[in-house]
């Protein structure tokens, strides 16, 4: 298997780790619900490539990344594999069994990230300049979860499906934010929301 994403200069070692991770994900999904049954047969394009595009969209000079509701490490583990500079990365997950999977992937792949087993609302972790979440919650709730974890001037990256515009409209009822839409390489109906300058609207 080869890594088919359009990132440049992906090393052979990085590609091998992505393949290893997809194998781990497939194996563990048979025991715990890491990915949906409908997408388990196509982990590479539906999950690995879909997660990898977030790395490509992040600022090249990011210093710390937090992935919330990491679940099966999508996109958190994929980001850690692609980041050959091994910058600080935190994977925040409330499910103990999923945290066990994330720690197993970290050990087997020799990756640099911290697994925090805690509810997002209760966590006390160092703020990051990139916060990501994939298939976690509607945008209004995501902004509420991400805002306390984000450094001033940082960005959030949220992949969204065909309802992305209605989620943006709903979020604007309570939040002010800058939003840039990026096309998804895995679905013509999906977008990647790059969100910055998040502030709650005054009542």
C-alpha atoms as a PDB file:
ATOM      1  CA  UNK A   1       0.000   0.000   0.000  1.00  0.00           C
ATOM      2  CA  UNK A   2       1.241   3.496  -0.795  1.00  0.00           C
ATOM      3  CA  UNK A   3       0.252   6.805   0.700  1.00  0.00           C
ATOM      4  CA  UNK A   4      -1.837   8.594  -1.938  1.00  0.00           C
ATOM      5  CA  UNK A   5      -2.376  11.993  -0.353  1.00  0.00           C
ATOM      6  CA  UNK A   6      -0.997  15.020  -2.219  1.00  0.00           C
ATOM      7  CA  UNK A   7       1.441  16.025   0.530  1.00  0.00           C
ATOM      8  CA  UNK A   8       4.967  16.460  -0.746  1.00  0.00           C
ATOM      9  CA  UNK A   9       8.090  14.789   0.597  1.00  0.00           C
ATOM     10  CA  UNK A  10       6.388  12.045   2.602  1.00  0.00           C
ATOM     11  CA  UNK A  11       9.192   9.670   3.548  1.00  0.00           C
ATOM     12  CA  UNK A  12       9.057   5.912   3.204  1.00  0.00           C
ATOM     13  CA  UNK A  13       9.174   5.597   6.997  1.00  0.00           C
ATOM     14  CA  UNK A  14       6.196   7.939   7.373  1.00  0.00           C
ATOM     15  CA  UNK A  15       4.232   5.978   4.791  1.00  0.00           C
ATOM     16  CA  UNK A  16       5.017   2.711   6.566  1.00  0.00           C
ATOM     17  CA  UNK A  17       3.760   4.154   9.850  1.00  0.00           C
ATOM     18  CA  UNK A  18       0.505   5.234   8.196  1.00  0.00           C
ATOM     19  CA  UNK A  19       0.030   1.718   6.829  1.00  0.00           C
ATOM     20  CA  UNK A  20       0.815   0.238  10.257  1.00  0.00           C
ATOM     21  CA  UNK A  21      -1.665   2.599  11.897  1.00  0.00           C
ATOM     22  CA  UNK A  22      -4.432   1.712   9.426  1.00  0.00           C
ATOM     23  CA  UNK A  23      -3.836  -1.967  10.218  1.00  0.00           C
ATOM     24  CA  UNK A  24      -4.021  -1.281  13.966  1.00  0.00           C
ATOM     25  CA  UNK A  25      -7.201   0.717  13.512  1.00  0.00           C
ATOM     26  CA  UNK A  26      -8.827  -2.073  11.504  1.00  0.00           C
ATOM     27  CA  UNK A  27      -7.844  -4.709  14.059  1.00  0.00           C
ATOM     28  CA  UNK A  28      -9.036  -2.775  17.122  1.00  0.00           C
ATOM     29  CA  UNK A  29     -12.280  -1.718  15.451  1.00  0.00           C
ATOM     30  CA  UNK A  30     -13.396  -5.342  15.608  1.00  0.00           C
ATOM     31  CA  UNK A  31     -13.358  -5.060  19.414  1.00  0.00           C
ATOM     32  CA  UNK A  32     -14.226  -1.440  20.173  1.00  0.00           C
ATOM     33  CA  UNK A  33     -16.062   1.119  18.063  1.00  0.00           C
ATOM     34  CA  UNK A  34     -13.260   3.259  16.644  1.00  0.00           C
ATOM     35  CA  UNK A  35     -14.769   3.832  13.191  1.00  0.00           C
ATOM     36  CA  UNK A  36     -18.270   3.173  11.857  1.00  0.00           C
ATOM     37  CA  UNK A  37     -19.129  -0.209  10.384  1.00  0.00           C
ATOM     38  CA  UNK A  38     -19.964   1.432   7.056  1.00  0.00           C
ATOM     39  CA  UNK A  39     -16.448   2.876   6.709  1.00  0.00           C
ATOM     40  CA  UNK A  40     -14.392   0.100   8.311  1.00  0.00           C
ATOM     41  CA  UNK A  41     -13.744  -1.537   4.935  1.00  0.00           C
ATOM     42  CA  UNK A  42     -12.242   1.659   3.512  1.00  0.00           C
ATOM     43  CA  UNK A  43     -10.121   2.991   6.357  1.00  0.00           C
ATOM     44  CA  UNK A  44      -7.387   4.342   4.105  1.00  0.00           C
ATOM     45  CA  UNK A  45      -9.393   6.857   2.053  1.00  0.00           C
ATOM     46  CA  UNK A  46     -12.299   7.456   4.434  1.00  0.00           C
ATOM     47  CA  UNK A  47     -10.135   8.049   7.505  1.00  0.00           C
ATOM     48  CA  UNK A  48      -6.373   8.172   6.915  1.00  0.00           C
ATOM     49  CA  UNK A  49      -6.442  10.476   3.880  1.00  0.00           C
ATOM     50  CA  UNK A  50      -9.340  12.480   5.285  1.00  0.00           C
ATOM     51  CA  UNK A  51      -7.355  13.138   8.478  1.00  0.00           C
ATOM     52  CA  UNK A  52      -4.085  13.840   6.663  1.00  0.00           C
ATOM     53  CA  UNK A  53      -5.498  16.827   4.803  1.00  0.00           C
ATOM     54  CA  UNK A  54      -5.758  18.737   8.084  1.00  0.00           C
ATOM     55  CA  UNK A  55      -1.985  18.598   8.468  1.00  0.00           C
ATOM     56  CA  UNK A  56      -1.624  20.159   5.041  1.00  0.00           C
ATOM     57  CA  UNK A  57      -4.012  23.009   5.947  1.00  0.00           C
ATOM     58  CA  UNK A  58      -2.406  23.924   9.274  1.00  0.00           C
ATOM     59  CA  UNK A  59       0.138  26.779   9.437  1.00  0.00           C
ATOM     60  CA  UNK A  60       3.617  25.390   8.851  1.00  0.00           C
ATOM     61  CA  UNK A  61       4.941  27.089  11.979  1.00  0.00           C
ATOM     62  CA  UNK A  62       2.412  25.674  14.448  1.00  0.00           C
ATOM     63  CA  UNK A  63       3.960  24.937  17.836  1.00  0.00           C
ATOM     64  CA  UNK A  64       1.372  22.864  19.725  1.00  0.00           C
ATOM     65  CA  UNK A  65      -1.659  20.905  18.497  1.00  0.00           C
ATOM     66  CA  UNK A  66      -4.631  19.573  20.485  1.00  0.00           C
ATOM     67  CA  UNK A  67      -7.059  17.046  19.015  1.00  0.00           C
ATOM     68  CA  UNK A  68     -10.302  16.811  20.986  1.00  0.00           C
ATOM     69  CA  UNK A  69     -12.480  13.716  21.106  1.00  0.00           C
ATOM     70  CA  UNK A  70      -9.626  11.804  19.492  1.00  0.00           C
ATOM     71  CA  UNK A  71     -11.378   8.412  19.526  1.00  0.00           C
ATOM     72  CA  UNK A  72      -9.442   6.202  17.142  1.00  0.00           C
ATOM     73  CA  UNK A  73      -6.717   8.800  16.607  1.00  0.00           C
ATOM     74  CA  UNK A  74      -8.386  10.514  13.679  1.00  0.00           C
ATOM     75  CA  UNK A  75      -6.882  12.933  12.974  1.00  0.00           C
ATOM     76  CA  UNK A  76      -4.565  13.059  16.015  1.00  0.00           C
ATOM     77  CA  UNK A  77      -2.401   9.996  15.377  1.00  0.00           C
ATOM     78  CA  UNK A  78      -2.226  10.762  11.645  1.00  0.00           C
ATOM     79  CA  UNK A  79      -1.004  14.281  12.445  1.00  0.00           C
ATOM     80  CA  UNK A  80       1.648  12.852  14.778  1.00  0.00           C
ATOM     81  CA  UNK A  81       2.854  10.483  12.053  1.00  0.00           C
ATOM     82  CA  UNK A  82       3.067  13.212   9.419  1.00  0.00           C
ATOM     83  CA  UNK A  83       4.817  15.714  11.684  1.00  0.00           C
ATOM     84  CA  UNK A  84       8.419  14.637  11.313  1.00  0.00           C
ATOM     85  CA  UNK A  85       9.432  17.588  13.518  1.00  0.00           C
ATOM     86  CA  UNK A  86       7.695  15.764  16.424  1.00  0.00           C
ATOM     87  CA  UNK A  87       6.088  18.876  17.894  1.00  0.00           C
ATOM     88  CA  UNK A  88       3.927  18.663  21.059  1.00  0.00           C
ATOM     89  CA  UNK A  89       0.557  17.078  20.359  1.00  0.00           C
ATOM     90  CA  UNK A  90      -2.228  16.305  22.835  1.00  0.00           C
ATOM     91  CA  UNK A  91      -4.973  13.760  22.180  1.00  0.00           C
ATOM     92  CA  UNK A  92      -7.932  14.383  24.470  1.00  0.00           C
ATOM     93  CA  UNK A  93     -10.371  11.478  24.876  1.00  0.00           C
ATOM     94  CA  UNK A  94     -12.855  10.576  27.630  1.00  0.00           C
ATOM     95  CA  UNK A  95     -13.252   6.853  26.785  1.00  0.00           C
ATOM     96  CA  UNK A  96     -10.690   4.709  28.634  1.00  0.00           C
ATOM     97  CA  UNK A  97     -10.681   1.917  26.052  1.00  0.00           C
ATOM     98  CA  UNK A  98     -10.019   4.363  23.228  1.00  0.00           C
ATOM     99  CA  UNK A  99      -7.208   5.903  25.281  1.00  0.00           C
ATOM    100  CA  UNK A 100      -5.711   2.415  25.586  1.00  0.00           C
ATOM    101  CA  UNK A 101      -5.753   2.165  21.790  1.00  0.00           C
ATOM    102  CA  UNK A 102      -4.124   5.591  21.428  1.00  0.00           C
ATOM    103  CA  UNK A 103      -1.356   4.623  23.841  1.00  0.00           C
ATOM    104  CA  UNK A 104      -0.824   1.343  22.000  1.00  0.00           C
ATOM    105  CA  UNK A 105      -0.478   3.204  18.689  1.00  0.00           C
ATOM    106  CA  UNK A 106       1.956   5.642  20.310  1.00  0.00           C
ATOM    107  CA  UNK A 107       4.128   2.795  21.612  1.00  0.00           C
ATOM    108  CA  UNK A 108       4.081   0.648  18.469  1.00  0.00           C
ATOM    109  CA  UNK A 109       4.722   3.553  16.095  1.00  0.00           C
ATOM    110  CA  UNK A 110       7.187   5.468  18.279  1.00  0.00           C
ATOM    111  CA  UNK A 111       5.165   8.691  18.174  1.00  0.00           C
ATOM    112  CA  UNK A 112       5.361  11.896  20.209  1.00  0.00           C
ATOM    113  CA  UNK A 113       1.979  12.758  21.696  1.00  0.00           C
ATOM    114  CA  UNK A 114       0.287  12.940  25.070  1.00  0.00           C
ATOM    115  CA  UNK A 115      -2.947  11.039  25.714  1.00  0.00           C
ATOM    116  CA  UNK A 116      -5.250  12.757  28.203  1.00  0.00           C
ATOM    117  CA  UNK A 117      -8.164  10.672  29.475  1.00  0.00           C
ATOM    118  CA  UNK A 118     -10.618  13.369  30.511  1.00  0.00           C
ATOM    119  CA  UNK A 119     -13.783  15.126  29.487  1.00  0.00           C
ATOM    120  CA  UNK A 120     -13.024  18.055  27.214  1.00  0.00           C
ATOM    121  CA  UNK A 121     -14.955  20.492  29.416  1.00  0.00           C
ATOM    122  CA  UNK A 122     -12.987  19.432  32.517  1.00  0.00           C
ATOM    123  CA  UNK A 123      -9.487  19.243  31.054  1.00  0.00           C
ATOM    124  CA  UNK A 124      -6.712  21.556  32.173  1.00  0.00           C
ATOM    125  CA  UNK A 125      -4.093  21.318  29.453  1.00  0.00           C
ATOM    126  CA  UNK A 126      -1.699  23.805  27.904  1.00  0.00           C
ATOM    127  CA  UNK A 127      -3.377  25.893  25.211  1.00  0.00           C
ATOM    128  CA  UNK A 128      -2.519  25.090  21.607  1.00  0.00           C
ATOM    129  CA  UNK A 129      -2.284  27.153  18.448  1.00  0.00           C
ATOM    130  CA  UNK A 130      -4.158  24.441  16.480  1.00  0.00           C
ATOM    131  CA  UNK A 131      -7.234  22.611  17.772  1.00  0.00           C
ATOM    132  CA  UNK A 132      -8.884  19.903  15.685  1.00  0.00           C
ATOM    133  CA  UNK A 133     -11.935  17.675  15.970  1.00  0.00           C
ATOM    134  CA  UNK A 134     -13.402  15.193  13.531  1.00  0.00           C
ATOM    135  CA  UNK A 135     -16.947  13.785  13.683  1.00  0.00           C
ATOM    136  CA  UNK A 136     -17.348  14.967  17.281  1.00  0.00           C
ATOM    137  CA  UNK A 137     -20.207  17.489  17.539  1.00  0.00           C
ATOM    138  CA  UNK A 138     -22.121  20.229  15.675  1.00  0.00           C
ATOM    139  CA  UNK A 139     -20.178  23.448  15.165  1.00  0.00           C
ATOM    140  CA  UNK A 140     -21.879  25.514  17.925  1.00  0.00           C
ATOM    141  CA  UNK A 141     -20.800  22.935  20.515  1.00  0.00           C
ATOM    142  CA  UNK A 142     -17.346  22.542  18.953  1.00  0.00           C
ATOM    143  CA  UNK A 143     -16.678  26.265  19.341  1.00  0.00           C
ATOM    144  CA  UNK A 144     -17.680  26.073  23.000  1.00  0.00           C
ATOM    145  CA  UNK A 145     -15.282  23.150  23.533  1.00  0.00           C
ATOM    146  CA  UNK A 146     -12.383  24.496  21.482  1.00  0.00           C
ATOM    147  CA  UNK A 147     -12.345  28.126  22.601  1.00  0.00           C
ATOM    148  CA  UNK A 148     -10.812  27.508  26.089  1.00  0.00           C
ATOM    149  CA  UNK A 149      -8.109  25.270  24.591  1.00  0.00           C
ATOM    150  CA  UNK A 150      -7.013  27.661  21.862  1.00  0.00           C
ATOM    151  CA  UNK A 151      -4.223  30.210  22.105  1.00  0.00           C
ATOM    152  CA  UNK A 152      -4.968  33.779  21.076  1.00  0.00           C
ATOM    153  CA  UNK A 153      -4.322  33.911  17.344  1.00  0.00           C
ATOM    154  CA  UNK A 154      -4.688  30.148  16.908  1.00  0.00           C
ATOM    155  CA  UNK A 155      -6.978  28.275  14.537  1.00  0.00           C
ATOM    156  CA  UNK A 156      -9.410  25.373  14.702  1.00  0.00           C
ATOM    157  CA  UNK A 157      -9.760  22.810  11.914  1.00  0.00           C
ATOM    158  CA  UNK A 158     -13.075  20.974  11.684  1.00  0.00           C
ATOM    159  CA  UNK A 159     -13.990  18.632   8.799  1.00  0.00           C
ATOM    160  CA  UNK A 160     -17.717  18.868   8.059  1.00  0.00           C
ATOM    161  CA  UNK A 161     -20.096  17.111   5.686  1.00  0.00           C
ATOM    162  CA  UNK A 162     -22.798  18.518   3.429  1.00  0.00           C
ATOM    163  CA  UNK A 163     -24.576  20.288   6.332  1.00  0.00           C
ATOM    164  CA  UNK A 164     -21.573  22.544   6.928  1.00  0.00           C
ATOM    165  CA  UNK A 165     -23.397  25.764   5.968  1.00  0.00           C
ATOM    166  CA  UNK A 166     -26.340  25.169   8.292  1.00  0.00           C
ATOM    167  CA  UNK A 167     -23.881  24.493  11.138  1.00  0.00           C
ATOM    168  CA  UNK A 168     -22.063  27.747  10.399  1.00  0.00           C
ATOM    169  CA  UNK A 169     -25.355  29.658  10.371  1.00  0.00           C
ATOM    170  CA  UNK A 170     -26.409  28.089  13.677  1.00  0.00           C
ATOM    171  CA  UNK A 171     -23.050  28.877  15.297  1.00  0.00           C
ATOM    172  CA  UNK A 172     -23.303  32.541  14.325  1.00  0.00           C
ATOM    173  CA  UNK A 173     -26.307  32.931  16.638  1.00  0.00           C
ATOM    174  CA  UNK A 174     -23.990  32.754  19.652  1.00  0.00           C
ATOM    175  CA  UNK A 175     -20.484  33.156  18.277  1.00  0.00           C
ATOM    176  CA  UNK A 176     -18.421  35.598  16.281  1.00  0.00           C
ATOM    177  CA  UNK A 177     -15.592  34.034  14.257  1.00  0.00           C
ATOM    178  CA  UNK A 178     -13.578  34.179  11.058  1.00  0.00           C
ATOM    179  CA  UNK A 179     -14.197  31.213   8.806  1.00  0.00           C
ATOM    180  CA  UNK A 180     -12.383  29.931   5.738  1.00  0.00           C
ATOM    181  CA  UNK A 181     -13.746  26.970   3.764  1.00  0.00           C
ATOM    182  CA  UNK A 182     -11.397  24.437   2.193  1.00  0.00           C
ATOM    183  CA  UNK A 183     -12.528  21.714  -0.213  1.00  0.00           C
ATOM    184  CA  UNK A 184     -12.219  18.147   1.025  1.00  0.00           C
ATOM    185  CA  UNK A 185     -10.148  15.731  -1.043  1.00  0.00           C
ATOM    186  CA  UNK A 186     -12.320  12.801   0.037  1.00  0.00           C
ATOM    187  CA  UNK A 187     -15.832  14.155  -0.635  1.00  0.00           C
ATOM    188  CA  UNK A 188     -17.153  16.761  -3.058  1.00  0.00           C
ATOM    189  CA  UNK A 189     -19.906  17.641  -0.566  1.00  0.00           C
ATOM    190  CA  UNK A 190     -17.613  18.119   2.434  1.00  0.00           C
ATOM    191  CA  UNK A 191     -15.531  21.089   3.574  1.00  0.00           C
ATOM    192  CA  UNK A 192     -12.768  21.700   6.068  1.00  0.00           C
ATOM    193  CA  UNK A 193     -13.653  24.656   8.283  1.00  0.00           C
ATOM    194  CA  UNK A 194     -10.663  26.767   9.309  1.00  0.00           C
ATOM    195  CA  UNK A 195     -11.923  28.944  12.143  1.00  0.00           C
ATOM    196  CA  UNK A 196     -10.121  31.769  13.944  1.00  0.00           C
ATOM    197  CA  UNK A 197     -10.852  34.739  16.217  1.00  0.00           C
ATOM    198  CA  UNK A 198     -13.594  32.928  18.135  1.00  0.00           C
ATOM    199  CA  UNK A 199     -15.599  35.109  20.514  1.00  0.00           C
ATOM    200  CA  UNK A 200     -18.960  34.563  22.174  1.00  0.00           C
ATOM    201  CA  UNK A 201     -21.541  37.165  21.211  1.00  0.00           C
ATOM    202  CA  UNK A 202     -22.804  39.438  23.938  1.00  0.00           C
ATOM    203  CA  UNK A 203     -26.454  38.696  24.919  1.00  0.00           C
END
